[in-house]
Amino acid sequence: RAYEAAIRSCGELGEWKRALAYLDYMFQEGLNANAFCTVEAMQTCAVCGLWSEALRLFHEMFEQVTRPVRSFSVSLEVCEQSGLWEEAIQIFEEFVNKGGIVEEDFVEPLL
């Protein structure tokens, strides 16, 4: 939880490089780099305008941990802000195919 809070703080300060360094360190050291830490790093990248980096984290997350619903919604927000509507549709379809429950605020970026 300490790393999750540190990564979140990096996002609030626009310190995306530091957030990614924390996340990388966690994976390299075998620490519990859970999905919530990755989502915080995604959010940090999105806030700093690094759309492709946020989406890279989303896609890599699947290889390492189970993706929480929040990761899908952050990814859709990133796609909305960066104009990547085709990728947004793919992410949405993946979520639905995995049995995700769709709520109105979740699909708003697709509308």
N, C-alpha and C. Protein backbone atom coordinates (compact mmCIF):
# COMPACT_ATOMS: atom_id res chain seq x y z
N ARG A 1 0.82 -1.20 0.00
CA ARG A 1 0.00 0.00 0.00
C ARG A 1 0.86 1.26 0.00
N ALA A 2 2.06 1.16 0.55
CA ALA A 2 2.93 2.33 0.58
C ALA A 2 3.34 2.73 -0.82
N TYR A 3 3.66 1.75 -1.66
CA TYR A 3 4.05 2.08 -3.03
C TYR A 3 2.85 2.63 -3.81
N GLU A 4 1.69 2.06 -3.56
CA GLU A 4 0.48 2.56 -4.23
C GLU A 4 0.27 4.04 -3.90
N ALA A 5 0.43 4.40 -2.63
CA ALA A 5 0.28 5.80 -2.21
C ALA A 5 1.38 6.67 -2.81
N ALA A 6 2.59 6.13 -2.88
CA ALA A 6 3.70 6.90 -3.47
C ALA A 6 3.45 7.16 -4.95
N ILE A 7 2.97 6.14 -5.66
CA ILE A 7 2.68 6.31 -7.09
C ILE A 7 1.55 7.30 -7.28
N ARG A 8 0.52 7.24 -6.43
CA ARG A 8 -0.59 8.20 -6.50
C ARG A 8 -0.09 9.62 -6.27
N SER A 9 0.81 9.78 -5.31
CA SER A 9 1.38 11.10 -5.03
C SER A 9 2.18 11.62 -6.21
N CYS A 10 2.89 10.73 -6.86
CA CYS A 10 3.64 11.13 -8.06
C CYS A 10 2.68 11.69 -9.12
N GLY A 11 1.53 11.07 -9.24
CA GLY A 11 0.54 11.55 -10.21
C GLY A 11 0.05 12.94 -9.87
N GLU A 12 -0.16 13.18 -8.59
CA GLU A 12 -0.63 14.50 -8.15
C GLU A 12 0.42 15.57 -8.41
N LEU A 13 1.70 15.16 -8.44
CA LEU A 13 2.80 16.11 -8.66
C LEU A 13 3.28 16.13 -10.10
N GLY A 14 2.69 15.29 -10.97
CA GLY A 14 3.13 15.22 -12.36
C GLY A 14 4.46 14.52 -12.54
N GLU A 15 4.85 13.71 -11.58
CA GLU A 15 6.13 13.00 -11.60
C GLU A 15 5.97 11.60 -12.22
N TRP A 16 5.65 11.56 -13.50
CA TRP A 16 5.37 10.29 -14.14
C TRP A 16 6.61 9.38 -14.20
N LYS A 17 7.78 9.94 -14.40
CA LYS A 17 8.99 9.11 -14.45
C LYS A 17 9.22 8.40 -13.12
N ARG A 18 9.01 9.11 -12.04
CA ARG A 18 9.19 8.52 -10.72
C ARG A 18 8.13 7.44 -10.47
N ALA A 19 6.90 7.69 -10.88
CA ALA A 19 5.84 6.70 -10.70
C ALA A 19 6.19 5.41 -11.43
N LEU A 20 6.67 5.54 -12.67
CA LEU A 20 7.04 4.35 -13.43
C LEU A 20 8.26 3.66 -12.83
N ALA A 21 9.18 4.45 -12.28
CA ALA A 21 10.36 3.86 -11.63
C ALA A 21 9.94 3.04 -10.40
N TYR A 22 9.00 3.56 -9.62
CA TYR A 22 8.51 2.80 -8.47
C TYR A 22 7.88 1.49 -8.92
N LEU A 23 7.05 1.57 -9.94
CA LEU A 23 6.37 0.37 -10.44
C LEU A 23 7.38 -0.64 -10.96
N ASP A 24 8.34 -0.19 -11.75
CA ASP A 24 9.38 -1.09 -12.26
C ASP A 24 10.16 -1.73 -11.12
N TYR A 25 10.49 -0.94 -10.12
CA TYR A 25 11.23 -1.46 -8.96
C TYR A 25 10.44 -2.57 -8.28
N MET A 26 9.15 -2.35 -8.13
CA MET A 26 8.32 -3.35 -7.47
C MET A 26 8.35 -4.68 -8.22
N PHE A 27 8.23 -4.61 -9.55
CA PHE A 27 8.25 -5.83 -10.35
C PHE A 27 9.63 -6.49 -10.30
N GLN A 28 10.68 -5.71 -10.40
CA GLN A 28 12.04 -6.25 -10.40
C GLN A 28 12.39 -6.92 -9.08
N GLU A 29 11.92 -6.35 -7.99
CA GLU A 29 12.25 -6.87 -6.66
C GLU A 29 11.26 -7.94 -6.19
N GLY A 30 10.27 -8.25 -7.00
CA GLY A 30 9.30 -9.26 -6.62
C GLY A 30 8.35 -8.80 -5.53
N LEU A 31 8.23 -7.49 -5.38
CA LEU A 31 7.30 -6.95 -4.39
C LEU A 31 5.88 -7.10 -4.91
N ASN A 32 4.92 -6.93 -4.07
CA ASN A 32 3.53 -7.10 -4.45
C ASN A 32 3.06 -5.92 -5.31
N ALA A 33 3.47 -5.94 -6.56
CA ALA A 33 3.05 -4.89 -7.50
C ALA A 33 1.67 -5.25 -8.02
N ASN A 34 0.67 -4.96 -7.20
CA ASN A 34 -0.68 -5.36 -7.56
C ASN A 34 -1.27 -4.46 -8.65
N ALA A 35 -2.43 -4.84 -9.09
CA ALA A 35 -3.09 -4.11 -10.18
C ALA A 35 -3.38 -2.67 -9.79
N PHE A 36 -3.61 -2.41 -8.52
CA PHE A 36 -3.94 -1.05 -8.09
C PHE A 36 -2.74 -0.12 -8.26
N CYS A 37 -1.54 -0.64 -8.05
CA CYS A 37 -0.33 0.16 -8.28
C CYS A 37 -0.21 0.49 -9.77
N THR A 38 -0.50 -0.50 -10.60
CA THR A 38 -0.42 -0.28 -12.04
C THR A 38 -1.47 0.72 -12.50
N VAL A 39 -2.67 0.63 -11.95
CA VAL A 39 -3.72 1.58 -12.31
C VAL A 39 -3.31 2.99 -11.89
N GLU A 40 -2.72 3.14 -10.73
CA GLU A 40 -2.25 4.47 -10.30
C GLU A 40 -1.20 5.00 -11.27
N ALA A 41 -0.30 4.13 -11.72
CA ALA A 41 0.72 4.55 -12.70
C ALA A 41 0.06 4.91 -14.03
N MET A 42 -0.96 4.16 -14.43
CA MET A 42 -1.70 4.49 -15.65
C MET A 42 -2.33 5.87 -15.52
N GLN A 43 -2.96 6.11 -14.38
CA GLN A 43 -3.62 7.40 -14.14
C GLN A 43 -2.59 8.53 -14.17
N THR A 44 -1.42 8.30 -13.57
CA THR A 44 -0.35 9.30 -13.58
C THR A 44 0.06 9.63 -15.01
N CYS A 45 0.26 8.59 -15.81
CA CYS A 45 0.63 8.82 -17.21
C CYS A 45 -0.46 9.57 -17.96
N ALA A 46 -1.70 9.22 -17.71
CA ALA A 46 -2.81 9.90 -18.39
C ALA A 46 -2.87 11.37 -18.01
N VAL A 47 -2.71 11.67 -16.73
CA VAL A 47 -2.74 13.05 -16.25
C VAL A 47 -1.62 13.86 -16.90
N CYS A 48 -0.49 13.21 -17.14
CA CYS A 48 0.67 13.89 -17.73
C CYS A 48 0.64 13.87 -19.26
N GLY A 49 -0.45 13.35 -19.84
CA GLY A 49 -0.59 13.35 -21.30
C GLY A 49 0.16 12.24 -22.01
N LEU A 50 0.59 11.24 -21.28
CA LEU A 50 1.32 10.12 -21.88
C LEU A 50 0.36 8.97 -22.19
N TRP A 51 -0.49 9.19 -23.19
CA TRP A 51 -1.56 8.24 -23.51
C TRP A 51 -1.00 6.87 -23.87
N SER A 52 0.00 6.84 -24.74
CA SER A 52 0.51 5.54 -25.18
C SER A 52 1.16 4.77 -24.03
N GLU A 53 1.79 5.47 -23.12
CA GLU A 53 2.40 4.81 -21.96
C GLU A 53 1.32 4.23 -21.04
N ALA A 54 0.25 4.98 -20.84
CA ALA A 54 -0.85 4.48 -20.01
C ALA A 54 -1.46 3.22 -20.62
N LEU A 55 -1.65 3.22 -21.93
CA LEU A 55 -2.22 2.04 -22.59
C LEU A 55 -1.23 0.88 -22.61
N ARG A 56 0.06 1.17 -22.71
CA ARG A 56 1.08 0.11 -22.64
C ARG A 56 0.99 -0.60 -21.29
N LEU A 57 0.87 0.18 -20.22
CA LEU A 57 0.74 -0.41 -18.89
C LEU A 57 -0.51 -1.27 -18.79
N PHE A 58 -1.60 -0.80 -19.37
CA PHE A 58 -2.85 -1.56 -19.36
C PHE A 58 -2.66 -2.91 -20.03
N HIS A 59 -2.05 -2.91 -21.21
CA HIS A 59 -1.87 -4.16 -21.95
C HIS A 59 -0.86 -5.08 -21.27
N GLU A 60 0.18 -4.52 -20.69
CA GLU A 60 1.17 -5.34 -19.98
C GLU A 60 0.62 -5.88 -18.67
N MET A 61 -0.31 -5.17 -18.07
CA MET A 61 -0.87 -5.58 -16.79
C MET A 61 -1.47 -6.98 -16.90
N PHE A 62 -2.10 -7.28 -18.01
CA PHE A 62 -2.76 -8.56 -18.19
C PHE A 62 -1.77 -9.72 -18.06
N GLU A 63 -0.51 -9.48 -18.45
CA GLU A 63 0.50 -10.52 -18.38
C GLU A 63 0.94 -10.79 -16.94
N GLN A 64 0.78 -9.82 -16.05
CA GLN A 64 1.35 -9.94 -14.71
C GLN A 64 0.31 -10.08 -13.60
N VAL A 65 -0.79 -9.40 -13.72
CA VAL A 65 -1.82 -9.45 -12.67
C VAL A 65 -3.20 -9.42 -13.32
N THR A 66 -4.21 -9.74 -12.57
CA THR A 66 -5.58 -9.63 -13.05
C THR A 66 -5.97 -8.17 -13.06
N ARG A 67 -6.56 -7.74 -14.15
CA ARG A 67 -6.93 -6.33 -14.27
C ARG A 67 -8.23 -6.03 -13.54
N PRO A 68 -8.23 -5.01 -12.68
CA PRO A 68 -9.47 -4.61 -12.03
C PRO A 68 -10.31 -3.75 -12.98
N VAL A 69 -11.57 -3.60 -12.64
CA VAL A 69 -12.48 -2.78 -13.45
C VAL A 69 -11.91 -1.39 -13.67
N ARG A 70 -11.31 -0.82 -12.65
CA ARG A 70 -10.76 0.54 -12.75
C ARG A 70 -9.75 0.67 -13.89
N SER A 71 -8.98 -0.39 -14.16
CA SER A 71 -8.01 -0.33 -15.24
C SER A 71 -8.70 -0.17 -16.60
N PHE A 72 -9.85 -0.81 -16.75
CA PHE A 72 -10.60 -0.67 -18.00
C PHE A 72 -11.14 0.75 -18.13
N SER A 73 -11.68 1.30 -17.05
CA SER A 73 -12.26 2.64 -17.14
C SER A 73 -11.18 3.69 -17.38
N VAL A 74 -10.00 3.55 -16.74
CA VAL A 74 -8.90 4.49 -16.99
C VAL A 74 -8.47 4.38 -18.44
N SER A 75 -8.39 3.17 -18.96
CA SER A 75 -8.00 2.98 -20.36
C SER A 75 -8.99 3.62 -21.31
N LEU A 76 -10.26 3.51 -21.01
CA LEU A 76 -11.27 4.15 -21.86
C LEU A 76 -11.15 5.67 -21.80
N GLU A 77 -10.87 6.20 -20.63
CA GLU A 77 -10.66 7.65 -20.49
C GLU A 77 -9.45 8.10 -21.31
N VAL A 78 -8.38 7.31 -21.27
CA VAL A 78 -7.18 7.62 -22.04
C VAL A 78 -7.51 7.62 -23.53
N CYS A 79 -8.24 6.61 -23.97
CA CYS A 79 -8.61 6.53 -25.39
C CYS A 79 -9.47 7.72 -25.79
N GLU A 80 -10.40 8.10 -24.93
CA GLU A 80 -11.26 9.25 -25.21
C GLU A 80 -10.41 10.51 -25.37
N GLN A 81 -9.50 10.74 -24.44
CA GLN A 81 -8.71 11.97 -24.45
C GLN A 81 -7.72 12.01 -25.60
N SER A 82 -7.30 10.84 -26.08
CA SER A 82 -6.31 10.81 -27.15
C SER A 82 -6.91 10.51 -28.52
N GLY A 83 -8.24 10.35 -28.57
CA GLY A 83 -8.91 10.13 -29.85
C GLY A 83 -8.74 8.72 -30.41
N LEU A 84 -8.41 7.77 -29.57
CA LEU A 84 -8.20 6.39 -30.02
C LEU A 84 -9.49 5.59 -29.86
N TRP A 85 -10.50 5.94 -30.65
CA TRP A 85 -11.81 5.33 -30.48
C TRP A 85 -11.81 3.85 -30.84
N GLU A 86 -11.01 3.42 -31.84
CA GLU A 86 -10.99 2.01 -32.20
C GLU A 86 -10.42 1.16 -31.05
N GLU A 87 -9.38 1.66 -30.41
CA GLU A 87 -8.82 0.95 -29.26
C GLU A 87 -9.81 0.93 -28.11
N ALA A 88 -10.54 2.02 -27.93
CA ALA A 88 -11.56 2.07 -26.87
C ALA A 88 -12.60 0.98 -27.08
N ILE A 89 -13.02 0.79 -28.30
CA ILE A 89 -14.01 -0.25 -28.59
C ILE A 89 -13.44 -1.63 -28.30
N GLN A 90 -12.17 -1.86 -28.65
CA GLN A 90 -11.54 -3.15 -28.37
C GLN A 90 -11.46 -3.41 -26.86
N ILE A 91 -11.08 -2.39 -26.12
CA ILE A 91 -10.97 -2.52 -24.66
C ILE A 91 -12.35 -2.79 -24.06
N PHE A 92 -13.35 -2.07 -24.54
CA PHE A 92 -14.71 -2.27 -24.05
C PHE A 92 -15.19 -3.69 -24.34
N GLU A 93 -14.96 -4.16 -25.56
CA GLU A 93 -15.39 -5.51 -25.93
C GLU A 93 -14.67 -6.57 -25.08
N GLU A 94 -13.40 -6.34 -24.81
CA GLU A 94 -12.66 -7.27 -23.96
C GLU A 94 -13.29 -7.33 -22.56
N PHE A 95 -13.62 -6.16 -22.04
CA PHE A 95 -14.24 -6.09 -20.72
C PHE A 95 -15.56 -6.86 -20.69
N VAL A 96 -16.40 -6.64 -21.68
CA VAL A 96 -17.70 -7.30 -21.74
C VAL A 96 -17.52 -8.81 -21.92
N ASN A 97 -16.57 -9.20 -22.78
CA ASN A 97 -16.33 -10.63 -23.02
C ASN A 97 -15.82 -11.35 -21.77
N LYS A 98 -15.19 -10.62 -20.87
CA LYS A 98 -14.71 -11.22 -19.63
C LYS A 98 -15.80 -11.21 -18.55
N GLY A 99 -17.00 -10.80 -18.93
CA GLY A 99 -18.12 -10.84 -17.99
C GLY A 99 -18.28 -9.58 -17.17
N GLY A 100 -17.64 -8.50 -17.60
CA GLY A 100 -17.74 -7.25 -16.87
C GLY A 100 -19.15 -6.68 -16.91
N ILE A 101 -19.55 -6.08 -15.84
CA ILE A 101 -20.86 -5.44 -15.76
C ILE A 101 -20.69 -3.99 -16.19
N VAL A 102 -21.46 -3.60 -17.18
CA VAL A 102 -21.32 -2.27 -17.77
C VAL A 102 -22.26 -1.30 -17.07
N GLU A 103 -21.69 -0.20 -16.60
CA GLU A 103 -22.47 0.88 -16.00
C GLU A 103 -22.35 2.10 -16.90
N GLU A 104 -23.29 3.00 -16.78
CA GLU A 104 -23.35 4.16 -17.68
C GLU A 104 -22.06 4.97 -17.68
N ASP A 105 -21.50 5.26 -16.52
CA ASP A 105 -20.30 6.09 -16.47
C ASP A 105 -19.09 5.36 -17.04
N PHE A 106 -19.15 4.04 -17.12
CA PHE A 106 -18.06 3.25 -17.69
C PHE A 106 -18.00 3.43 -19.20
N VAL A 107 -19.14 3.49 -19.85
CA VAL A 107 -19.17 3.56 -21.32
C VAL A 107 -19.28 4.98 -21.84
N GLU A 108 -19.37 5.96 -20.98
CA GLU A 108 -19.51 7.35 -21.43
C GLU A 108 -18.46 7.76 -22.45
N PRO A 109 -17.17 7.37 -22.30
CA PRO A 109 -16.19 7.74 -23.32
C PRO A 109 -16.48 7.19 -24.70
N LEU A 110 -17.27 6.12 -24.79
CA LEU A 110 -17.60 5.53 -26.09
C LEU A 110 -18.75 6.23 -26.79
N LEU A 111 -19.52 7.01 -26.05
CA LEU A 111 -20.70 7.66 -26.63
C LEU A 111 -20.35 8.90 -27.43
